[in-house]
Amino acid sequence: MFSGTSKNKITVFTSGFLNDARITLPPLQFVNLKHLQTEKKRDTKIEQALVHAYQLHQQRNVRYYYNFVDLNGDGVPEIFVYLKGERFCNDQGCSAIILKQTPQGYRVLSKFKNVFQPIVVSKEITNGYHDLIFFVPMGGADPFYAIMKFKDNSYPPDPEKAPRVSENAKVEGSLLIADALRPNAGIDLH
């Protein structure tokens, strides 16, 4: 969760694989961020898409969190899904996927690895899609925010290899999966 500021830095408190470590990042200014609560209702269409995309037949101990967000301004929201479980998470983060709604059902728009929440959907647009901003802890050694720009019909898969958001940047947009750290949050995948 984003919390606190000091004269030259923004302090971020995280949990999970960072063991509630306190990490100080270069100064970014988060302006007018809209906080989107994760959906609470199980969605069998999303679950079917996840099973197909990750070949999860008889998978156990998987939880998912999702938000509807219109990334390309066409009036049909995409679904950003964050996955937790042994297969999806390690000390570099967890997996996430963006599903696009089509008349034939959901199709994969992008898959990600090494993801920490929350995710910021920026108001900035590249190639018709909103830019995404991911926190990259890099083991606490050199943490940064990565900017994920839509290119060649997808977002890049790994925020650790994406360009950094420039220091002192003003970021406006929406927070996704921002409440996913609550105990018992998310939905069990059936």
N, C-alpha and C. Protein backbone atom coordinates (compact mmCIF):
# COMPACT_ATOMS: atom_id res chain seq x y z
N MET A 1 0.83 -1.17 0.00
CA MET A 1 0.00 0.00 0.00
C MET A 1 0.88 1.24 0.00
N PHE A 2 0.43 2.26 -0.68
CA PHE A 2 1.16 3.52 -0.71
C PHE A 2 0.86 4.27 0.58
N SER A 3 1.89 4.80 1.19
CA SER A 3 1.67 5.47 2.45
C SER A 3 2.84 6.38 2.77
N GLY A 4 2.53 7.57 3.24
CA GLY A 4 3.55 8.44 3.77
C GLY A 4 4.42 9.12 2.73
N THR A 5 4.94 10.27 3.07
CA THR A 5 5.89 10.97 2.21
C THR A 5 6.95 11.61 3.10
N SER A 6 8.07 11.87 2.52
CA SER A 6 9.10 12.64 3.20
C SER A 6 9.54 13.72 2.22
N LYS A 7 10.52 14.48 2.60
CA LYS A 7 10.94 15.60 1.79
C LYS A 7 11.32 15.19 0.36
N ASN A 8 12.06 14.12 0.18
CA ASN A 8 12.55 13.74 -1.14
C ASN A 8 12.09 12.37 -1.62
N LYS A 9 11.34 11.66 -0.82
CA LYS A 9 10.99 10.30 -1.21
C LYS A 9 9.56 9.98 -0.86
N ILE A 10 9.01 9.01 -1.55
CA ILE A 10 7.71 8.46 -1.19
C ILE A 10 7.98 7.12 -0.54
N THR A 11 7.38 6.89 0.59
CA THR A 11 7.58 5.63 1.27
C THR A 11 6.43 4.70 0.94
N VAL A 12 6.77 3.47 0.66
CA VAL A 12 5.79 2.46 0.30
C VAL A 12 5.89 1.34 1.31
N PHE A 13 4.75 0.93 1.82
CA PHE A 13 4.71 -0.23 2.70
C PHE A 13 4.13 -1.37 1.90
N THR A 14 4.82 -2.49 1.89
CA THR A 14 4.34 -3.65 1.17
C THR A 14 4.30 -4.83 2.12
N SER A 15 3.72 -5.90 1.65
CA SER A 15 3.74 -7.11 2.46
C SER A 15 3.91 -8.30 1.55
N GLY A 16 3.68 -9.47 2.06
CA GLY A 16 3.85 -10.66 1.24
C GLY A 16 5.30 -11.09 1.27
N PHE A 17 5.89 -11.22 0.09
CA PHE A 17 7.24 -11.75 -0.01
C PHE A 17 8.31 -10.79 0.50
N LEU A 18 7.94 -9.54 0.73
CA LEU A 18 8.91 -8.60 1.28
C LEU A 18 8.86 -8.59 2.79
N ASN A 19 8.05 -9.47 3.36
CA ASN A 19 7.95 -9.59 4.81
C ASN A 19 7.68 -8.25 5.49
N ASP A 20 6.72 -7.52 4.93
CA ASP A 20 6.33 -6.22 5.47
C ASP A 20 7.50 -5.26 5.58
N ALA A 21 8.44 -5.38 4.66
CA ALA A 21 9.60 -4.49 4.66
C ALA A 21 9.17 -3.08 4.27
N ARG A 22 9.89 -2.14 4.74
CA ARG A 22 9.65 -0.74 4.39
C ARG A 22 10.66 -0.39 3.31
N ILE A 23 10.16 0.09 2.18
CA ILE A 23 11.01 0.38 1.03
C ILE A 23 10.82 1.84 0.65
N THR A 24 11.91 2.53 0.41
CA THR A 24 11.84 3.93 0.00
C THR A 24 12.22 4.02 -1.47
N LEU A 25 11.36 4.71 -2.22
CA LEU A 25 11.52 4.82 -3.67
C LEU A 25 11.83 6.24 -4.08
N PRO A 26 12.29 6.41 -5.34
CA PRO A 26 12.43 7.76 -5.86
C PRO A 26 11.09 8.49 -5.82
N PRO A 27 11.11 9.80 -5.76
CA PRO A 27 9.87 10.55 -5.59
C PRO A 27 8.98 10.53 -6.84
N LEU A 28 7.81 9.97 -6.70
CA LEU A 28 6.75 10.07 -7.70
C LEU A 28 5.59 10.78 -7.04
N GLN A 29 4.83 11.49 -7.82
CA GLN A 29 3.67 12.15 -7.29
C GLN A 29 2.42 11.46 -7.83
N PHE A 30 1.71 10.77 -6.94
CA PHE A 30 0.46 10.13 -7.33
C PHE A 30 -0.65 11.15 -7.10
N VAL A 31 -1.30 11.55 -8.19
CA VAL A 31 -2.28 12.62 -8.16
C VAL A 31 -3.66 12.05 -8.52
N ASN A 32 -4.64 12.34 -7.69
CA ASN A 32 -6.03 11.97 -7.98
C ASN A 32 -6.18 10.49 -8.37
N LEU A 33 -5.56 9.61 -7.62
CA LEU A 33 -5.70 8.19 -7.92
C LEU A 33 -7.07 7.70 -7.47
N LYS A 34 -7.76 7.06 -8.37
CA LYS A 34 -9.06 6.46 -8.07
C LYS A 34 -8.80 5.02 -7.62
N HIS A 35 -9.31 4.65 -6.47
CA HIS A 35 -9.08 3.34 -5.89
C HIS A 35 -10.25 2.42 -6.28
N LEU A 36 -9.96 1.40 -7.09
CA LEU A 36 -10.99 0.45 -7.49
C LEU A 36 -10.93 -0.77 -6.59
N GLN A 37 -12.01 -1.08 -5.91
CA GLN A 37 -12.09 -2.28 -5.08
C GLN A 37 -12.14 -3.51 -5.98
N THR A 38 -11.48 -4.58 -5.55
CA THR A 38 -11.57 -5.81 -6.33
C THR A 38 -12.99 -6.35 -6.27
N GLU A 39 -13.35 -7.05 -7.32
CA GLU A 39 -14.66 -7.68 -7.38
C GLU A 39 -14.70 -8.80 -6.34
N LYS A 40 -15.86 -9.02 -5.78
CA LYS A 40 -16.01 -10.03 -4.72
C LYS A 40 -16.73 -11.29 -5.22
N LYS A 41 -17.37 -11.19 -6.37
CA LYS A 41 -18.20 -12.27 -6.88
C LYS A 41 -17.41 -13.22 -7.77
N ARG A 42 -17.55 -14.48 -7.52
CA ARG A 42 -16.93 -15.51 -8.35
C ARG A 42 -17.46 -15.38 -9.77
N ASP A 43 -16.57 -15.52 -10.76
CA ASP A 43 -16.96 -15.40 -12.17
C ASP A 43 -16.49 -16.66 -12.90
N THR A 44 -17.41 -17.53 -13.27
CA THR A 44 -17.03 -18.80 -13.90
C THR A 44 -16.41 -18.60 -15.27
N LYS A 45 -16.78 -17.55 -15.99
CA LYS A 45 -16.17 -17.28 -17.29
C LYS A 45 -14.69 -16.91 -17.13
N ILE A 46 -14.40 -16.10 -16.12
CA ILE A 46 -13.01 -15.76 -15.84
C ILE A 46 -12.25 -17.02 -15.43
N GLU A 47 -12.85 -17.82 -14.57
CA GLU A 47 -12.19 -19.05 -14.12
C GLU A 47 -11.90 -19.98 -15.29
N GLN A 48 -12.85 -20.11 -16.21
CA GLN A 48 -12.62 -20.96 -17.40
C GLN A 48 -11.47 -20.41 -18.23
N ALA A 49 -11.41 -19.09 -18.38
CA ALA A 49 -10.31 -18.48 -19.14
C ALA A 49 -8.97 -18.72 -18.45
N LEU A 50 -8.94 -18.65 -17.13
CA LEU A 50 -7.70 -18.90 -16.38
C LEU A 50 -7.26 -20.35 -16.51
N VAL A 51 -8.21 -21.26 -16.38
CA VAL A 51 -7.89 -22.69 -16.53
C VAL A 51 -7.30 -22.95 -17.91
N HIS A 52 -7.89 -22.36 -18.93
CA HIS A 52 -7.40 -22.56 -20.29
C HIS A 52 -6.03 -21.89 -20.49
N ALA A 53 -5.89 -20.64 -20.05
CA ALA A 53 -4.64 -19.88 -20.28
C ALA A 53 -3.45 -20.49 -19.55
N TYR A 54 -3.69 -21.06 -18.37
CA TYR A 54 -2.59 -21.60 -17.56
C TYR A 54 -2.62 -23.12 -17.43
N GLN A 55 -3.53 -23.75 -18.15
CA GLN A 55 -3.68 -25.21 -18.09
C GLN A 55 -3.75 -25.68 -16.64
N LEU A 56 -4.77 -25.22 -15.95
CA LEU A 56 -4.92 -25.44 -14.52
C LEU A 56 -5.85 -26.58 -14.16
N HIS A 57 -5.86 -27.61 -14.87
CA HIS A 57 -6.75 -28.73 -14.56
C HIS A 57 -6.41 -29.31 -13.20
N GLN A 58 -7.41 -29.36 -12.33
CA GLN A 58 -7.30 -29.86 -10.96
C GLN A 58 -6.27 -29.09 -10.14
N GLN A 59 -6.16 -27.81 -10.40
CA GLN A 59 -5.25 -26.96 -9.63
C GLN A 59 -5.87 -26.64 -8.28
N ARG A 60 -5.09 -26.68 -7.23
CA ARG A 60 -5.58 -26.37 -5.89
C ARG A 60 -4.80 -25.19 -5.33
N ASN A 61 -5.41 -24.58 -4.32
CA ASN A 61 -4.78 -23.47 -3.60
C ASN A 61 -4.41 -22.30 -4.51
N VAL A 62 -5.33 -21.92 -5.37
CA VAL A 62 -5.15 -20.75 -6.23
C VAL A 62 -6.27 -19.77 -5.89
N ARG A 63 -5.87 -18.53 -5.66
CA ARG A 63 -6.84 -17.45 -5.44
C ARG A 63 -6.63 -16.43 -6.54
N TYR A 64 -7.72 -15.78 -6.91
CA TYR A 64 -7.62 -14.72 -7.90
C TYR A 64 -8.39 -13.49 -7.45
N TYR A 65 -7.91 -12.35 -7.92
CA TYR A 65 -8.47 -11.04 -7.62
C TYR A 65 -8.67 -10.38 -8.97
N TYR A 66 -9.76 -9.66 -9.15
CA TYR A 66 -9.94 -9.04 -10.46
C TYR A 66 -10.67 -7.72 -10.39
N ASN A 67 -10.38 -6.90 -11.39
CA ASN A 67 -11.05 -5.62 -11.60
C ASN A 67 -11.44 -5.50 -13.06
N PHE A 68 -12.58 -4.88 -13.29
CA PHE A 68 -12.98 -4.50 -14.65
C PHE A 68 -12.45 -3.09 -14.89
N VAL A 69 -11.77 -2.90 -16.02
CA VAL A 69 -11.25 -1.58 -16.36
C VAL A 69 -11.16 -1.47 -17.89
N ASP A 70 -11.69 -0.38 -18.42
CA ASP A 70 -11.66 -0.17 -19.87
C ASP A 70 -10.30 0.43 -20.23
N LEU A 71 -9.41 -0.41 -20.72
CA LEU A 71 -8.05 0.03 -21.01
C LEU A 71 -7.91 0.72 -22.36
N ASN A 72 -8.83 0.45 -23.29
CA ASN A 72 -8.70 1.03 -24.64
C ASN A 72 -9.83 1.99 -25.00
N GLY A 73 -10.68 2.33 -24.06
CA GLY A 73 -11.70 3.34 -24.29
C GLY A 73 -12.80 2.94 -25.26
N ASP A 74 -13.01 1.64 -25.47
CA ASP A 74 -14.05 1.20 -26.41
C ASP A 74 -15.39 0.96 -25.73
N GLY A 75 -15.48 1.22 -24.43
CA GLY A 75 -16.73 1.03 -23.71
C GLY A 75 -16.93 -0.40 -23.20
N VAL A 76 -16.03 -1.31 -23.54
CA VAL A 76 -16.10 -2.69 -23.07
C VAL A 76 -14.89 -2.93 -22.16
N PRO A 77 -15.14 -3.10 -20.86
CA PRO A 77 -13.99 -3.23 -19.96
C PRO A 77 -13.21 -4.53 -20.16
N GLU A 78 -11.89 -4.41 -20.01
CA GLU A 78 -11.03 -5.57 -19.94
C GLU A 78 -11.05 -6.04 -18.48
N ILE A 79 -10.54 -7.24 -18.24
CA ILE A 79 -10.50 -7.78 -16.89
C ILE A 79 -9.04 -7.99 -16.51
N PHE A 80 -8.61 -7.28 -15.47
CA PHE A 80 -7.26 -7.46 -14.94
C PHE A 80 -7.37 -8.45 -13.80
N VAL A 81 -6.64 -9.57 -13.90
CA VAL A 81 -6.71 -10.64 -12.90
C VAL A 81 -5.32 -10.85 -12.30
N TYR A 82 -5.26 -10.86 -10.99
CA TYR A 82 -4.03 -11.11 -10.23
C TYR A 82 -4.18 -12.47 -9.59
N LEU A 83 -3.19 -13.35 -9.78
CA LEU A 83 -3.25 -14.72 -9.29
C LEU A 83 -2.28 -14.95 -8.14
N LYS A 84 -2.73 -15.66 -7.12
CA LYS A 84 -1.86 -16.03 -6.00
C LYS A 84 -1.95 -17.52 -5.79
N GLY A 85 -0.84 -18.10 -5.44
CA GLY A 85 -0.76 -19.53 -5.19
C GLY A 85 0.67 -19.98 -5.47
N GLU A 86 0.99 -21.17 -5.03
CA GLU A 86 2.35 -21.68 -5.16
C GLU A 86 2.86 -21.64 -6.59
N ARG A 87 2.02 -21.97 -7.54
CA ARG A 87 2.43 -21.99 -8.94
C ARG A 87 2.63 -20.58 -9.50
N PHE A 88 1.98 -19.59 -8.92
CA PHE A 88 1.96 -18.25 -9.50
C PHE A 88 2.84 -17.23 -8.80
N CYS A 89 3.30 -17.51 -7.61
CA CYS A 89 4.04 -16.52 -6.85
C CYS A 89 5.40 -17.06 -6.40
N ASN A 90 6.36 -16.16 -6.36
CA ASN A 90 7.67 -16.44 -5.79
C ASN A 90 8.18 -15.13 -5.20
N ASP A 91 9.42 -15.07 -4.82
CA ASP A 91 9.92 -13.86 -4.18
C ASP A 91 10.05 -12.68 -5.14
N GLN A 92 9.83 -12.90 -6.43
CA GLN A 92 9.87 -11.81 -7.41
C GLN A 92 8.48 -11.31 -7.76
N GLY A 93 7.44 -11.85 -7.14
CA GLY A 93 6.09 -11.39 -7.38
C GLY A 93 5.18 -12.52 -7.80
N CYS A 94 4.02 -12.15 -8.30
CA CYS A 94 3.01 -13.13 -8.71
C CYS A 94 2.67 -12.93 -10.18
N SER A 95 1.79 -13.75 -10.68
CA SER A 95 1.36 -13.66 -12.08
C SER A 95 0.08 -12.83 -12.17
N ALA A 96 -0.11 -12.23 -13.33
CA ALA A 96 -1.34 -11.49 -13.62
C ALA A 96 -1.65 -11.68 -15.10
N ILE A 97 -2.89 -11.41 -15.44
CA ILE A 97 -3.34 -11.59 -16.82
C ILE A 97 -4.41 -10.55 -17.11
N ILE A 98 -4.45 -10.08 -18.34
CA ILE A 98 -5.55 -9.22 -18.78
C ILE A 98 -6.35 -10.01 -19.80
N LEU A 99 -7.66 -10.08 -19.53
CA LEU A 99 -8.58 -10.77 -20.43
C LEU A 99 -9.41 -9.73 -21.16
N LYS A 100 -9.63 -9.97 -22.44
CA LYS A 100 -10.45 -9.10 -23.28
C LYS A 100 -11.75 -9.82 -23.58
N GLN A 101 -12.86 -9.12 -23.42
CA GLN A 101 -14.16 -9.69 -23.72
C GLN A 101 -14.41 -9.65 -25.23
N THR A 102 -14.81 -10.79 -25.79
CA THR A 102 -15.16 -10.88 -27.21
C THR A 102 -16.49 -11.61 -27.31
N PRO A 103 -17.15 -11.57 -28.46
CA PRO A 103 -18.40 -12.33 -28.60
C PRO A 103 -18.21 -13.83 -28.38
N GLN A 104 -17.01 -14.34 -28.61
CA GLN A 104 -16.73 -15.76 -28.42
C GLN A 104 -16.32 -16.09 -26.98
N GLY A 105 -16.20 -15.10 -26.12
CA GLY A 105 -15.76 -15.31 -24.74
C GLY A 105 -14.51 -14.48 -24.46
N TYR A 106 -13.84 -14.80 -23.39
CA TYR A 106 -12.64 -14.07 -23.01
C TYR A 106 -11.43 -14.60 -23.77
N ARG A 107 -10.58 -13.67 -24.21
CA ARG A 107 -9.30 -14.07 -24.79
C ARG A 107 -8.20 -13.32 -24.05
N VAL A 108 -7.01 -13.90 -24.05
CA VAL A 108 -5.87 -13.30 -23.33
C VAL A 108 -5.34 -12.12 -24.13
N LEU A 109 -5.28 -10.98 -23.49
CA LEU A 109 -4.67 -9.80 -24.09
C LEU A 109 -3.20 -9.73 -23.70
N SER A 110 -2.89 -9.98 -22.42
CA SER A 110 -1.51 -9.94 -21.92
C SER A 110 -1.38 -10.81 -20.69
N LYS A 111 -0.20 -11.41 -20.52
CA LYS A 111 0.16 -12.16 -19.32
C LYS A 111 1.41 -11.51 -18.73
N PHE A 112 1.46 -11.50 -17.39
CA PHE A 112 2.58 -10.88 -16.70
C PHE A 112 3.15 -11.83 -15.65
N LYS A 113 4.42 -11.64 -15.35
CA LYS A 113 5.05 -12.30 -14.21
C LYS A 113 5.73 -11.22 -13.38
N ASN A 114 6.15 -11.57 -12.18
CA ASN A 114 6.87 -10.65 -11.29
C ASN A 114 6.04 -9.40 -10.96
N VAL A 115 4.78 -9.61 -10.61
CA VAL A 115 3.86 -8.51 -10.34
C VAL A 115 3.60 -8.39 -8.84
N PHE A 116 3.68 -7.17 -8.35
CA PHE A 116 3.25 -6.82 -7.00
C PHE A 116 2.06 -5.87 -7.14
N GLN A 117 1.16 -5.91 -6.20
CA GLN A 117 0.04 -4.99 -6.23
C GLN A 117 0.32 -3.84 -5.27
N PRO A 118 -0.33 -2.71 -5.45
CA PRO A 118 -1.34 -2.43 -6.47
C PRO A 118 -0.72 -2.09 -7.82
N ILE A 119 -1.55 -2.09 -8.81
CA ILE A 119 -1.18 -1.72 -10.18
C ILE A 119 -1.87 -0.39 -10.48
N VAL A 120 -1.15 0.51 -11.11
CA VAL A 120 -1.74 1.81 -11.47
C VAL A 120 -2.05 1.80 -12.96
N VAL A 121 -3.29 2.13 -13.30
CA VAL A 121 -3.67 2.36 -14.69
C VAL A 121 -3.56 3.86 -14.89
N SER A 122 -2.56 4.26 -15.65
CA SER A 122 -2.28 5.67 -15.88
C SER A 122 -3.29 6.28 -16.84
N LYS A 123 -3.47 7.58 -16.72
CA LYS A 123 -4.31 8.29 -17.70
C LYS A 123 -3.60 8.42 -19.05
N GLU A 124 -2.29 8.21 -19.06
CA GLU A 124 -1.51 8.27 -20.30
C GLU A 124 -1.85 7.07 -21.18
N ILE A 125 -1.89 7.30 -22.49
CA ILE A 125 -2.28 6.26 -23.45
C ILE A 125 -1.18 6.09 -24.49
N THR A 126 -0.86 4.83 -24.80
CA THR A 126 0.10 4.48 -25.84
C THR A 126 -0.55 3.46 -26.75
N ASN A 127 -0.55 3.72 -28.05
CA ASN A 127 -1.13 2.81 -29.04
C ASN A 127 -2.56 2.41 -28.70
N GLY A 128 -3.34 3.36 -28.17
CA GLY A 128 -4.75 3.14 -27.91
C GLY A 128 -5.08 2.52 -26.57
N TYR A 129 -4.09 2.18 -25.75
CA TYR A 129 -4.33 1.56 -24.44
C TYR A 129 -3.65 2.37 -23.34
N HIS A 130 -4.29 2.41 -22.17
CA HIS A 130 -3.70 3.09 -21.02
C HIS A 130 -2.40 2.41 -20.62
N ASP A 131 -1.41 3.21 -20.26
CA ASP A 131 -0.17 2.68 -19.71
C ASP A 131 -0.45 2.10 -18.32
N LEU A 132 0.30 1.08 -17.95
CA LEU A 132 0.21 0.47 -16.63
C LEU A 132 1.51 0.75 -15.88
N ILE A 133 1.41 0.96 -14.58
CA ILE A 133 2.58 1.21 -13.76
C ILE A 133 2.62 0.16 -12.67
N PHE A 134 3.75 -0.57 -12.62
CA PHE A 134 3.94 -1.64 -11.65
C PHE A 134 5.09 -1.29 -10.73
N PHE A 135 4.95 -1.66 -9.47
CA PHE A 135 6.02 -1.53 -8.51
C PHE A 135 6.96 -2.72 -8.67
N VAL A 136 8.27 -2.46 -8.76
CA VAL A 136 9.28 -3.52 -8.90
C VAL A 136 10.25 -3.39 -7.74
N PRO A 137 10.17 -4.31 -6.76
CA PRO A 137 11.04 -4.17 -5.58
C PRO A 137 12.48 -4.57 -5.79
N MET A 138 12.78 -5.44 -6.76
CA MET A 138 14.15 -5.88 -7.06
C MET A 138 14.89 -6.32 -5.80
N GLY A 139 14.21 -7.06 -4.94
CA GLY A 139 14.84 -7.55 -3.73
C GLY A 139 15.19 -6.45 -2.74
N GLY A 140 14.60 -5.28 -2.92
CA GLY A 140 14.87 -4.16 -2.03
C GLY A 140 16.13 -3.40 -2.38
N ALA A 141 16.95 -3.93 -3.30
CA ALA A 141 18.23 -3.31 -3.63
C ALA A 141 18.07 -2.05 -4.48
N ASP A 142 17.24 -2.09 -5.47
CA ASP A 142 17.07 -0.96 -6.38
C ASP A 142 15.60 -0.89 -6.83
N PRO A 143 14.67 -0.64 -5.90
CA PRO A 143 13.26 -0.64 -6.27
C PRO A 143 12.92 0.52 -7.20
N PHE A 144 11.92 0.29 -8.03
CA PHE A 144 11.47 1.33 -8.96
C PHE A 144 10.05 1.06 -9.40
N TYR A 145 9.48 2.02 -10.12
CA TYR A 145 8.19 1.85 -10.77
C TYR A 145 8.46 1.66 -12.26
N ALA A 146 7.86 0.62 -12.82
CA ALA A 146 8.01 0.34 -14.26
C ALA A 146 6.78 0.83 -15.00
N ILE A 147 7.01 1.33 -16.20
CA ILE A 147 5.89 1.74 -17.05
C ILE A 147 5.73 0.71 -18.16
N MET A 148 4.53 0.18 -18.25
CA MET A 148 4.22 -0.86 -19.22
C MET A 148 3.36 -0.24 -20.31
N LYS A 149 3.92 -0.11 -21.49
CA LYS A 149 3.22 0.52 -22.62
C LYS A 149 2.76 -0.55 -23.60
N PHE A 150 1.54 -0.38 -24.10
CA PHE A 150 0.95 -1.33 -25.04
C PHE A 150 1.67 -1.22 -26.39
N LYS A 151 2.11 -2.37 -26.92
CA LYS A 151 2.83 -2.39 -28.18
C LYS A 151 2.66 -3.78 -28.80
N ASP A 152 2.48 -3.83 -30.11
CA ASP A 152 2.36 -5.10 -30.83
C ASP A 152 1.26 -5.98 -30.24
N ASN A 153 0.10 -5.37 -29.96
CA ASN A 153 -1.10 -6.06 -29.49
C ASN A 153 -1.00 -6.65 -28.09
N SER A 154 -0.07 -6.15 -27.27
CA SER A 154 0.08 -6.67 -25.92
C SER A 154 0.90 -5.70 -25.07
N TYR A 155 0.85 -5.91 -23.77
CA TYR A 155 1.76 -5.23 -22.85
C TYR A 155 2.99 -6.13 -22.67
N PRO A 156 4.14 -5.57 -22.30
CA PRO A 156 5.32 -6.42 -22.04
C PRO A 156 5.04 -7.36 -20.86
N PRO A 157 5.61 -8.55 -20.87
CA PRO A 157 5.27 -9.55 -19.84
C PRO A 157 5.97 -9.38 -18.49
N ASP A 158 7.09 -8.67 -18.44
CA ASP A 158 7.87 -8.63 -17.21
C ASP A 158 8.20 -7.19 -16.82
N PRO A 159 7.59 -6.68 -15.76
CA PRO A 159 7.89 -5.30 -15.36
C PRO A 159 9.35 -5.07 -14.97
N GLU A 160 10.06 -6.13 -14.55
CA GLU A 160 11.47 -5.96 -14.20
C GLU A 160 12.30 -5.53 -15.40
N LYS A 161 11.82 -5.83 -16.62
CA LYS A 161 12.56 -5.49 -17.83
C LYS A 161 11.97 -4.28 -18.55
N ALA A 162 10.98 -3.66 -17.97
CA ALA A 162 10.32 -2.50 -18.58
C ALA A 162 11.04 -1.21 -18.19
N PRO A 163 10.84 -0.15 -18.96
CA PRO A 163 11.45 1.14 -18.60
C PRO A 163 10.93 1.65 -17.26
N ARG A 164 11.76 2.42 -16.61
CA ARG A 164 11.38 3.02 -15.34
C ARG A 164 10.57 4.29 -15.55
N VAL A 165 9.64 4.52 -14.65
CA VAL A 165 8.93 5.80 -14.63
C VAL A 165 9.95 6.84 -14.18
N SER A 166 10.00 7.95 -14.88
CA SER A 166 11.00 8.96 -14.53
C SER A 166 10.73 9.53 -13.13
N GLU A 167 11.82 9.84 -12.44
CA GLU A 167 11.71 10.40 -11.11
C GLU A 167 10.94 11.71 -11.16
N ASN A 168 10.21 11.97 -10.11
CA ASN A 168 9.38 13.17 -9.97
C ASN A 168 8.22 13.22 -10.94
N ALA A 169 7.91 12.11 -11.60
CA ALA A 169 6.77 12.08 -12.53
C ALA A 169 5.48 12.24 -11.74
N LYS A 170 4.50 12.90 -12.36
CA LYS A 170 3.17 12.99 -11.79
C LYS A 170 2.32 11.91 -12.45
N VAL A 171 1.77 11.03 -11.63
CA VAL A 171 1.01 9.90 -12.13
C VAL A 171 -0.45 10.06 -11.69
N GLU A 172 -1.34 10.04 -12.68
CA GLU A 172 -2.77 10.15 -12.41
C GLU A 172 -3.46 8.94 -13.03
N GLY A 173 -4.43 8.38 -12.34
CA GLY A 173 -5.13 7.22 -12.88
C GLY A 173 -5.90 6.47 -11.83
N SER A 174 -5.91 5.14 -11.95
CA SER A 174 -6.67 4.27 -11.04
C SER A 174 -5.78 3.19 -10.47
N LEU A 175 -6.06 2.82 -9.22
CA LEU A 175 -5.35 1.72 -8.57
C LEU A 175 -6.17 0.45 -8.74
N LEU A 176 -5.55 -0.60 -9.28
CA LEU A 176 -6.19 -1.91 -9.39
C LEU A 176 -5.62 -2.85 -8.34
N ILE A 177 -6.39 -3.83 -7.96
CA ILE A 177 -5.97 -4.87 -7.03
C ILE A 177 -5.37 -4.23 -5.77
N ALA A 178 -5.87 -3.08 -5.41
CA ALA A 178 -5.29 -2.31 -4.31
C ALA A 178 -5.71 -2.81 -2.94
N ASP A 179 -6.75 -3.62 -2.86
CA ASP A 179 -7.20 -4.14 -1.57
C ASP A 179 -6.91 -5.63 -1.43
N ALA A 180 -6.03 -6.15 -2.29
CA ALA A 180 -5.79 -7.59 -2.34
C ALA A 180 -4.98 -8.12 -1.17
N LEU A 181 -4.44 -7.27 -0.34
CA LEU A 181 -3.63 -7.75 0.77
C LEU A 181 -4.45 -8.08 2.01
N ARG A 182 -5.73 -7.78 1.98
CA ARG A 182 -6.57 -8.09 3.14
C ARG A 182 -6.60 -9.59 3.40
N PRO A 183 -6.64 -9.99 4.66
CA PRO A 183 -6.79 -11.42 4.94
C PRO A 183 -8.09 -11.94 4.33
N ASN A 184 -8.03 -13.11 3.81
CA ASN A 184 -9.18 -13.79 3.20
C ASN A 184 -9.72 -13.06 1.97
N ALA A 185 -8.94 -12.18 1.38
CA ALA A 185 -9.38 -11.49 0.17
C ALA A 185 -9.20 -12.44 -1.02
N GLY A 186 -9.79 -12.07 -2.12
CA GLY A 186 -9.68 -12.88 -3.32
C GLY A 186 -10.72 -13.98 -3.36
N ILE A 187 -10.69 -14.72 -4.42
CA ILE A 187 -11.67 -15.76 -4.69
C ILE A 187 -10.93 -17.06 -4.95
N ASP A 188 -11.37 -18.14 -4.33
CA ASP A 188 -10.79 -19.46 -4.62
C ASP A 188 -11.16 -19.90 -6.01
N LEU A 189 -10.17 -20.33 -6.77
CA LEU A 189 -10.42 -20.85 -8.10
C LEU A 189 -10.92 -22.29 -7.99
N HIS A 190 -12.06 -22.52 -8.60
CA HIS A 190 -12.67 -23.87 -8.55
C HIS A 190 -12.43 -24.60 -9.85
